């Protein structure tokens, strides 16, 4: 019985450790800089089938990460420029934007592969109808470092 318990414990440990993510993520220096969006997709929280990629629609989206602060800029000829600023932090596989003057943070799953930063799952608000009616949304970004 003791031998079986050891085998089960060892097998469980191997499965758990084998499934763990890396204990290190990107260092802060590799994240600091200006990132240009190749994709900025808003997904309607109430209906994941409703998606709007504002980059494909002609917008330019930039995320600038400083040592502790960020600037998120959307430039679109059809609407006034939108700029969001605040603080940011990261862990192994998440990046959190803490905008100034709003009551929410955007927490993204993060993956850095060379000069491509993928951020997904950030909770935010978006006007899907263009009528000024903002709805809960999820923001997914694919960015390249300038």
Protein backbone atom coordinates (compact mmCIF):
# COMPACT_ATOMS: atom_id res chain seq x y z
CA UNK A 1 0.00 0.00 0.00
CA UNK A 2 2.82 2.37 0.86
CA UNK A 3 4.47 1.67 -2.51
CA UNK A 4 1.20 2.45 -4.34
CA UNK A 5 0.84 5.72 -2.47
CA UNK A 6 4.38 6.70 -3.50
CA UNK A 7 3.64 5.89 -7.16
CA UNK A 8 0.38 7.90 -7.10
CA UNK A 9 2.10 10.84 -5.37
CA UNK A 10 4.99 10.79 -7.86
CA UNK A 11 2.64 10.59 -10.85
CA UNK A 12 0.55 13.45 -9.51
CA UNK A 13 3.64 15.59 -8.92
CA UNK A 14 4.88 14.96 -12.47
CA UNK A 15 1.48 15.88 -13.92
CA UNK A 16 1.21 19.04 -11.87
CA UNK A 17 4.75 20.20 -12.52
CA UNK A 18 4.58 19.29 -16.18
CA UNK A 19 1.47 21.42 -16.59
CA UNK A 20 2.86 24.46 -14.81
CA UNK A 21 3.71 27.59 -16.74
CA UNK A 22 7.17 29.02 -16.69
CA UNK A 23 8.02 30.70 -13.41
CA UNK A 24 9.43 33.65 -15.30
CA UNK A 25 7.67 35.95 -17.70
CA UNK A 26 8.95 38.83 -19.75
CA UNK A 27 11.11 41.26 -17.83
CA UNK A 28 9.94 44.84 -17.52
CA UNK A 29 12.62 46.14 -19.89
CA UNK A 30 11.33 43.96 -22.73
CA UNK A 31 7.82 45.42 -22.27
CA UNK A 32 8.78 49.09 -22.00
CA UNK A 33 8.46 50.93 -25.30
CA UNK A 34 5.96 51.82 -28.00
CA UNK A 35 3.71 49.08 -29.35
CA UNK A 36 1.65 49.45 -32.53
CA UNK A 37 -1.51 47.34 -32.84
CA UNK A 38 -1.89 45.03 -35.83
CA UNK A 39 -5.23 44.02 -34.33
CA UNK A 40 -7.48 45.69 -31.74
CA UNK A 41 -10.60 43.61 -31.45
CA UNK A 42 -13.52 44.44 -29.18
CA UNK A 43 -15.80 41.48 -28.43
CA UNK A 44 -19.27 42.11 -27.03
CA UNK A 45 -19.45 40.51 -23.57
CA UNK A 46 -23.14 39.61 -23.98
CA UNK A 47 -22.63 38.05 -27.46
CA UNK A 48 -19.12 36.81 -28.34
CA UNK A 49 -20.22 36.61 -31.98
CA UNK A 50 -20.22 40.42 -32.18
CA UNK A 51 -16.65 41.59 -32.84
CA UNK A 52 -15.16 44.83 -34.11
CA UNK A 53 -11.48 45.08 -35.13
CA UNK A 54 -10.93 48.82 -35.15
CA UNK A 55 -7.48 48.49 -36.80
CA UNK A 56 -9.05 46.63 -39.72
CA UNK A 57 -11.58 49.47 -39.79
CA UNK A 58 -8.84 52.09 -40.27
CA UNK A 59 -7.88 53.09 -36.73
CA UNK A 60 -4.30 53.32 -35.53
CA UNK A 61 -3.87 52.00 -31.98
CA UNK A 62 -0.73 52.54 -29.94
CA UNK A 63 0.22 51.36 -26.44
CA UNK A 64 3.20 53.11 -24.92
CA UNK A 65 4.57 51.52 -21.76
CA UNK A 66 6.92 53.60 -19.62
CA UNK A 67 8.61 52.41 -16.45
CA UNK A 68 5.34 52.59 -14.47
CA UNK A 69 2.90 54.51 -16.68
CA UNK A 70 1.09 53.83 -19.93
CA UNK A 71 -0.59 55.78 -22.73
CA UNK A 72 -3.16 53.99 -24.90
CA UNK A 73 -4.05 56.01 -28.01
CA UNK A 74 -6.68 55.40 -30.70
CA UNK A 75 -6.42 57.58 -33.82
CA UNK A 76 -9.30 57.43 -36.26
CA UNK A 77 -10.15 60.03 -38.89
CA UNK A 78 -13.89 59.46 -38.25
CA UNK A 79 -13.83 60.27 -34.54
CA UNK A 80 -11.88 62.40 -32.08
CA UNK A 81 -8.60 60.93 -30.88
CA UNK A 82 -9.02 58.87 -27.72
CA UNK A 83 -6.21 58.77 -25.16
CA UNK A 84 -6.20 56.72 -21.97
CA UNK A 85 -3.37 57.11 -19.43
CA UNK A 86 -2.52 55.59 -16.10
CA UNK A 87 -0.28 53.07 -14.40
CA UNK A 88 0.55 49.51 -15.41
CA UNK A 89 2.02 46.38 -13.87
CA UNK A 90 2.66 42.84 -14.96
CA UNK A 91 3.20 39.36 -13.62
CA UNK A 92 4.35 36.19 -15.35
CA UNK A 93 1.46 36.05 -17.82
CA UNK A 94 -0.77 39.07 -17.13
CA UNK A 95 -0.56 42.77 -17.88
CA UNK A 96 -2.79 45.15 -15.94
CA UNK A 97 -3.62 48.66 -17.13
CA UNK A 98 -4.91 50.89 -14.35
CA UNK A 99 -6.45 53.92 -16.14
CA UNK A 100 -6.63 57.23 -14.32
CA UNK A 101 -10.09 58.61 -13.64
CA UNK A 102 -12.09 55.42 -14.24
CA UNK A 103 -13.36 52.78 -11.85
CA UNK A 104 -12.00 49.71 -13.60
CA UNK A 105 -8.69 48.07 -14.50
CA UNK A 106 -8.05 46.17 -17.70
CA UNK A 107 -6.39 42.84 -16.90
CA UNK A 108 -5.04 41.01 -19.94
CA UNK A 109 -3.60 37.56 -20.44
CA UNK A 110 -0.18 38.33 -21.88
CA UNK A 111 2.23 36.52 -24.20
CA UNK A 112 5.45 38.01 -25.55
CA UNK A 113 7.08 36.32 -28.53
CA UNK A 114 10.02 38.30 -29.87
CA UNK A 115 8.67 41.70 -30.88
CA UNK A 116 5.01 40.59 -30.80
CA UNK A 117 2.94 41.20 -27.68
CA UNK A 118 -0.46 39.50 -27.48
CA UNK A 119 -2.90 40.81 -24.90
CA UNK A 120 -6.28 39.13 -24.56
CA UNK A 121 -9.31 39.23 -22.34
CA UNK A 122 -9.12 42.83 -21.11
CA UNK A 123 -12.48 43.94 -19.73
CA UNK A 124 -13.60 47.35 -20.98
CA UNK A 125 -16.51 49.24 -22.57
CA UNK A 126 -17.16 49.79 -26.28
CA UNK A 127 -19.83 51.45 -28.43
CA UNK A 128 -20.75 48.66 -30.87
CA UNK A 129 -23.57 50.63 -32.53
CA UNK A 130 -21.93 54.03 -32.90
CA UNK A 131 -24.78 55.66 -30.98
CA UNK A 132 -22.93 56.49 -27.77
CA UNK A 133 -24.33 53.43 -25.96
CA UNK A 134 -21.29 51.80 -24.41
CA UNK A 135 -21.56 48.11 -23.52
CA UNK A 136 -19.38 45.64 -21.63
CA UNK A 137 -16.68 44.31 -23.92
CA UNK A 138 -13.47 42.32 -24.01
CA UNK A 139 -10.45 43.80 -25.77
CA UNK A 140 -7.91 41.59 -27.57
CA UNK A 141 -4.73 43.15 -28.95
CA UNK A 142 -1.86 41.97 -31.14
CA UNK A 143 0.95 44.52 -30.98
CA UNK A 144 4.40 44.86 -32.48
CA UNK A 145 7.20 46.87 -30.90
CA UNK A 146 8.34 49.94 -32.80
